[in-house]
Amino acid sequence: MPAIALTSTVTEDMYQHALLAGFSLCFAKPVVVDNFVAVLGILAIANNPHPHAN
């Protein structure tokens, strides 16, 4: 299951720490809603076990 870490700042160390902790991505707050929704869509498509199911 994909997970996104939300933090006040994203440094390279913070990003690597989030990935090692099992997060798929790390976003800094405040989140740009359009970007966040786009990333959610990409994660949903990438993690769909049945991409051709109706």
PDB file of N, CA and C in Angstrom:
ATOM      1  N   MET A   1       0.843  -1.163   0.000  1.00  0.00           N
ATOM      2  CA  MET A   1       0.000   0.000   0.000  1.00  0.00           C
ATOM      3  C   MET A   1       0.895   1.235   0.000  1.00  0.00           C
ATOM      4  N   PRO A   2       0.691   2.137  -0.934  1.00  0.00           N
ATOM      5  CA  PRO A   2       1.509   3.359  -0.970  1.00  0.00           C
ATOM      6  C   PRO A   2       1.177   4.283   0.200  1.00  0.00           C
ATOM      7  N   ALA A   3       2.188   4.980   0.643  1.00  0.00           N
ATOM      8  CA  ALA A   3       2.019   5.963   1.719  1.00  0.00           C
ATOM      9  C   ALA A   3       2.872   7.176   1.403  1.00  0.00           C
ATOM     10  N   ILE A   4       2.362   8.360   1.750  1.00  0.00           N
ATOM     11  CA  ILE A   4       3.077   9.604   1.504  1.00  0.00           C
ATOM     12  C   ILE A   4       3.340  10.298   2.827  1.00  0.00           C
ATOM     13  N   ALA A   5       4.602  10.599   3.096  1.00  0.00           N
ATOM     14  CA  ALA A   5       4.970  11.341   4.298  1.00  0.00           C
ATOM     15  C   ALA A   5       4.762  12.828   4.046  1.00  0.00           C
ATOM     16  N   LEU A   6       4.152  13.511   5.004  1.00  0.00           N
ATOM     17  CA  LEU A   6       3.981  14.964   4.940  1.00  0.00           C
ATOM     18  C   LEU A   6       4.814  15.591   6.036  1.00  0.00           C
ATOM     19  N   THR A   7       5.627  16.568   5.674  1.00  0.00           N
ATOM     20  CA  THR A   7       6.518  17.203   6.633  1.00  0.00           C
ATOM     21  C   THR A   7       6.604  18.697   6.337  1.00  0.00           C
ATOM     22  N   SER A   8       7.151  19.440   7.280  1.00  0.00           N
ATOM     23  CA  SER A   8       7.240  20.885   7.072  1.00  0.00           C
ATOM     24  C   SER A   8       8.307  21.260   6.044  1.00  0.00           C
ATOM     25  N   THR A   9       9.359  20.486   5.964  1.00  0.00           N
ATOM     26  CA  THR A   9      10.409  20.709   4.965  1.00  0.00           C
ATOM     27  C   THR A   9      10.890  19.362   4.451  1.00  0.00           C
ATOM     28  N   VAL A  10      11.347  19.342   3.215  1.00  0.00           N
ATOM     29  CA  VAL A  10      11.887  18.111   2.649  1.00  0.00           C
ATOM     30  C   VAL A  10      13.333  18.369   2.256  1.00  0.00           C
ATOM     31  N   THR A  11      14.221  17.743   2.987  1.00  0.00           N
ATOM     32  CA  THR A  11      15.636  17.760   2.630  1.00  0.00           C
ATOM     33  C   THR A  11      15.970  16.390   2.043  1.00  0.00           C
ATOM     34  N   GLU A  12      17.119  16.267   1.457  1.00  0.00           N
ATOM     35  CA  GLU A  12      17.534  14.970   0.921  1.00  0.00           C
ATOM     36  C   GLU A  12      17.559  13.920   2.024  1.00  0.00           C
ATOM     37  N   ASP A  13      18.073  14.290   3.208  1.00  0.00           N
ATOM     38  CA  ASP A  13      18.106  13.349   4.335  1.00  0.00           C
ATOM     39  C   ASP A  13      16.703  12.942   4.760  1.00  0.00           C
ATOM     40  N   MET A  14      15.788  13.912   4.837  1.00  0.00           N
ATOM     41  CA  MET A  14      14.410  13.617   5.228  1.00  0.00           C
ATOM     42  C   MET A  14      13.749  12.702   4.203  1.00  0.00           C
ATOM     43  N   TYR A  15      13.985  12.980   2.926  1.00  0.00           N
ATOM     44  CA  TYR A  15      13.402  12.158   1.866  1.00  0.00           C
ATOM     45  C   TYR A  15      13.918  10.728   1.951  1.00  0.00           C
ATOM     46  N   GLN A  16      15.209  10.568   2.118  1.00  0.00           N
ATOM     47  CA  GLN A  16      15.793   9.226   2.231  1.00  0.00           C
ATOM     48  C   GLN A  16      15.272   8.508   3.479  1.00  0.00           C
ATOM     49  N   HIS A  17      15.151   9.224   4.585  1.00  0.00           N
ATOM     50  CA  HIS A  17      14.633   8.641   5.825  1.00  0.00           C
ATOM     51  C   HIS A  17      13.192   8.164   5.621  1.00  0.00           C
ATOM     52  N   ALA A  18      12.370   8.952   4.930  1.00  0.00           N
ATOM     53  CA  ALA A  18      10.979   8.573   4.662  1.00  0.00           C
ATOM     54  C   ALA A  18      10.922   7.315   3.788  1.00  0.00           C
ATOM     55  N   LEU A  19      11.765   7.253   2.765  1.00  0.00           N
ATOM     56  CA  LEU A  19      11.778   6.072   1.903  1.00  0.00           C
ATOM     57  C   LEU A  19      12.214   4.835   2.679  1.00  0.00           C
ATOM     58  N   LEU A  20      13.233   4.980   3.515  1.00  0.00           N
ATOM     59  CA  LEU A  20      13.696   3.851   4.327  1.00  0.00           C
ATOM     60  C   LEU A  20      12.642   3.411   5.339  1.00  0.00           C
ATOM     61  N   ALA A  21      11.798   4.334   5.764  1.00  0.00           N
ATOM     62  CA  ALA A  21      10.730   4.013   6.716  1.00  0.00           C
ATOM     63  C   ALA A  21       9.537   3.354   6.018  1.00  0.00           C
ATOM     64  N   GLY A  22       9.561   3.276   4.687  1.00  0.00           N
ATOM     65  CA  GLY A  22       8.503   2.595   3.957  1.00  0.00           C
ATOM     66  C   GLY A  22       7.538   3.489   3.206  1.00  0.00           C
ATOM     67  N   PHE A  23       7.761   4.803   3.260  1.00  0.00           N
ATOM     68  CA  PHE A  23       6.900   5.712   2.516  1.00  0.00           C
ATOM     69  C   PHE A  23       7.252   5.671   1.031  1.00  0.00           C
ATOM     70  N   SER A  24       6.256   5.906   0.195  1.00  0.00           N
ATOM     71  CA  SER A  24       6.476   5.951  -1.253  1.00  0.00           C
ATOM     72  C   SER A  24       7.070   7.286  -1.682  1.00  0.00           C
ATOM     73  N   LEU A  25       6.626   8.368  -1.016  1.00  0.00           N
ATOM     74  CA  LEU A  25       7.061   9.729  -1.337  1.00  0.00           C
ATOM     75  C   LEU A  25       7.068  10.575  -0.076  1.00  0.00           C
ATOM     76  N   CYS A  26       7.662  11.745  -0.202  1.00  0.00           N
ATOM     77  CA  CYS A  26       7.679  12.704   0.903  1.00  0.00           C
ATOM     78  C   CYS A  26       7.315  14.072   0.334  1.00  0.00           C
ATOM     79  N   PHE A  27       6.256  14.699   0.865  1.00  0.00           N
ATOM     80  CA  PHE A  27       5.784  16.006   0.422  1.00  0.00           C
ATOM     81  C   PHE A  27       5.987  17.024   1.531  1.00  0.00           C
ATOM     82  N   ALA A  28       6.333  18.245   1.144  1.00  0.00           N
ATOM     83  CA  ALA A  28       6.441  19.344   2.107  1.00  0.00           C
ATOM     84  C   ALA A  28       5.108  20.072   2.199  1.00  0.00           C
ATOM     85  N   LYS A  29       4.777  20.497   3.407  1.00  0.00           N
ATOM     86  CA  LYS A  29       3.579  21.320   3.619  1.00  0.00           C
ATOM     87  C   LYS A  29       3.968  22.781   3.463  1.00  0.00           C
ATOM     88  N   PRO A  30       3.128  23.635   3.001  1.00  0.00           N
ATOM     89  CA  PRO A  30       1.781  23.335   2.529  1.00  0.00           C
ATOM     90  C   PRO A  30       1.818  22.631   1.177  1.00  0.00           C
ATOM     91  N   VAL A  31       0.909  21.722   1.002  1.00  0.00           N
ATOM     92  CA  VAL A  31       0.849  20.913  -0.215  1.00  0.00           C
ATOM     93  C   VAL A  31       0.121  21.694  -1.311  1.00  0.00           C
ATOM     94  N   VAL A  32       0.672  21.648  -2.512  1.00  0.00           N
ATOM     95  CA  VAL A  32      -0.014  22.203  -3.685  1.00  0.00           C
ATOM     96  C   VAL A  32      -1.019  21.132  -4.113  1.00  0.00           C
ATOM     97  N   VAL A  33      -2.295  21.435  -3.951  1.00  0.00           N
ATOM     98  CA  VAL A  33      -3.347  20.431  -4.123  1.00  0.00           C
ATOM     99  C   VAL A  33      -3.308  19.771  -5.499  1.00  0.00           C
ATOM    100  N   ASP A  34      -3.146  20.538  -6.559  1.00  0.00           N
ATOM    101  CA  ASP A  34      -3.118  19.956  -7.904  1.00  0.00           C
ATOM    102  C   ASP A  34      -1.982  18.951  -8.056  1.00  0.00           C
ATOM    103  N   ASN A  35      -0.806  19.280  -7.536  1.00  0.00           N
ATOM    104  CA  ASN A  35       0.334  18.362  -7.604  1.00  0.00           C
ATOM    105  C   ASN A  35       0.070  17.110  -6.774  1.00  0.00           C
ATOM    106  N   PHE A  36      -0.489  17.295  -5.582  1.00  0.00           N
ATOM    107  CA  PHE A  36      -0.759  16.175  -4.689  1.00  0.00           C
ATOM    108  C   PHE A  36      -1.783  15.220  -5.311  1.00  0.00           C
ATOM    109  N   VAL A  37      -2.838  15.757  -5.895  1.00  0.00           N
ATOM    110  CA  VAL A  37      -3.865  14.929  -6.533  1.00  0.00           C
ATOM    111  C   VAL A  37      -3.277  14.175  -7.724  1.00  0.00           C
ATOM    112  N   ALA A  38      -2.427  14.820  -8.485  1.00  0.00           N
ATOM    113  CA  ALA A  38      -1.779  14.152  -9.614  1.00  0.00           C
ATOM    114  C   ALA A  38      -0.919  12.988  -9.143  1.00  0.00           C
ATOM    115  N   VAL A  39      -0.170  13.193  -8.063  1.00  0.00           N
ATOM    116  CA  VAL A  39       0.680  12.131  -7.520  1.00  0.00           C
ATOM    117  C   VAL A  39      -0.182  10.985  -6.982  1.00  0.00           C
ATOM    118  N   LEU A  40      -1.294  11.309  -6.327  1.00  0.00           N
ATOM    119  CA  LEU A  40      -2.197  10.263  -5.844  1.00  0.00           C
ATOM    120  C   LEU A  40      -2.717   9.419  -7.006  1.00  0.00           C
ATOM    121  N   GLY A  41      -3.053  10.065  -8.106  1.00  0.00           N
ATOM    122  CA  GLY A  41      -3.513   9.335  -9.282  1.00  0.00           C
ATOM    123  C   GLY A  41      -2.444   8.420  -9.843  1.00  0.00           C
ATOM    124  N   ILE A  42      -1.231   8.915  -9.911  1.00  0.00           N
ATOM    125  CA  ILE A  42      -0.120   8.094 -10.414  1.00  0.00           C
ATOM    126  C   ILE A  42       0.116   6.900  -9.501  1.00  0.00           C
ATOM    127  N   LEU A  43       0.123   7.133  -8.183  1.00  0.00           N
ATOM    128  CA  LEU A  43       0.312   6.021  -7.245  1.00  0.00           C
ATOM    129  C   LEU A  43      -0.820   5.014  -7.351  1.00  0.00           C
ATOM    130  N   ALA A  44      -2.048   5.478  -7.515  1.00  0.00           N
ATOM    131  CA  ALA A  44      -3.190   4.572  -7.640  1.00  0.00           C
ATOM    132  C   ALA A  44      -3.060   3.705  -8.887  1.00  0.00           C
ATOM    133  N   ILE A  45      -2.666   4.305  -9.993  1.00  0.00           N
ATOM    134  CA  ILE A  45      -2.499   3.547 -11.233  1.00  0.00           C
ATOM    135  C   ILE A  45      -1.336   2.567 -11.108  1.00  0.00           C
ATOM    136  N   ALA A  46      -0.228   3.024 -10.552  1.00  0.00           N
ATOM    137  CA  ALA A  46       0.971   2.184 -10.433  1.00  0.00           C
ATOM    138  C   ALA A  46       0.758   1.015  -9.481  1.00  0.00           C
ATOM    139  N   ASN A  47      -0.145   1.154  -8.523  1.00  0.00           N
ATOM    140  CA  ASN A  47      -0.346   0.111  -7.519  1.00  0.00           C
ATOM    141  C   ASN A  47      -1.643  -0.655  -7.708  1.00  0.00           C
ATOM    142  N   ASN A  48      -2.268  -0.520  -8.882  1.00  0.00           N
ATOM    143  CA  ASN A  48      -3.511  -1.237  -9.163  1.00  0.00           C
ATOM    144  C   ASN A  48      -3.170  -2.652  -9.609  1.00  0.00           C
ATOM    145  N   PRO A  49      -3.549  -3.663  -8.814  1.00  0.00           N
ATOM    146  CA  PRO A  49      -3.217  -5.039  -9.189  1.00  0.00           C
ATOM    147  C   PRO A  49      -4.050  -5.562 -10.369  1.00  0.00           C
ATOM    148  N   HIS A  50      -5.149  -4.875 -10.716  1.00  0.00           N
ATOM    149  CA  HIS A  50      -6.018  -5.282 -11.801  1.00  0.00           C
ATOM    150  C   HIS A  50      -6.262  -4.100 -12.737  1.00  0.00           C
ATOM    151  N   PRO A  51      -5.263  -3.705 -13.524  1.00  0.00           N
ATOM    152  CA  PRO A  51      -5.389  -2.481 -14.330  1.00  0.00           C
ATOM    153  C   PRO A  51      -6.474  -2.553 -15.412  1.00  0.00           C
ATOM    154  N   HIS A  52      -6.919  -3.745 -15.811  1.00  0.00           N
ATOM    155  CA  HIS A  52      -7.906  -3.837 -16.873  1.00  0.00           C
ATOM    156  C   HIS A  52      -9.267  -4.278 -16.356  1.00  0.00           C
ATOM    157  N   ALA A  53      -9.442  -4.301 -15.036  1.00  0.00           N
ATOM    158  CA  ALA A  53     -10.736  -4.684 -14.465  1.00  0.00           C
ATOM    159  C   ALA A  53     -11.745  -3.555 -14.648  1.00  0.00           C
ATOM    160  N   ASN A  54     -12.984  -3.901 -14.882  1.00  0.00           N
ATOM    161  CA  ASN A  54     -14.049  -2.903 -15.042  1.00  0.00           C
ATOM    162  C   ASN A  54     -14.795  -2.724 -13.763  1.00  0.00           C
TER     163      ASN A  54
END
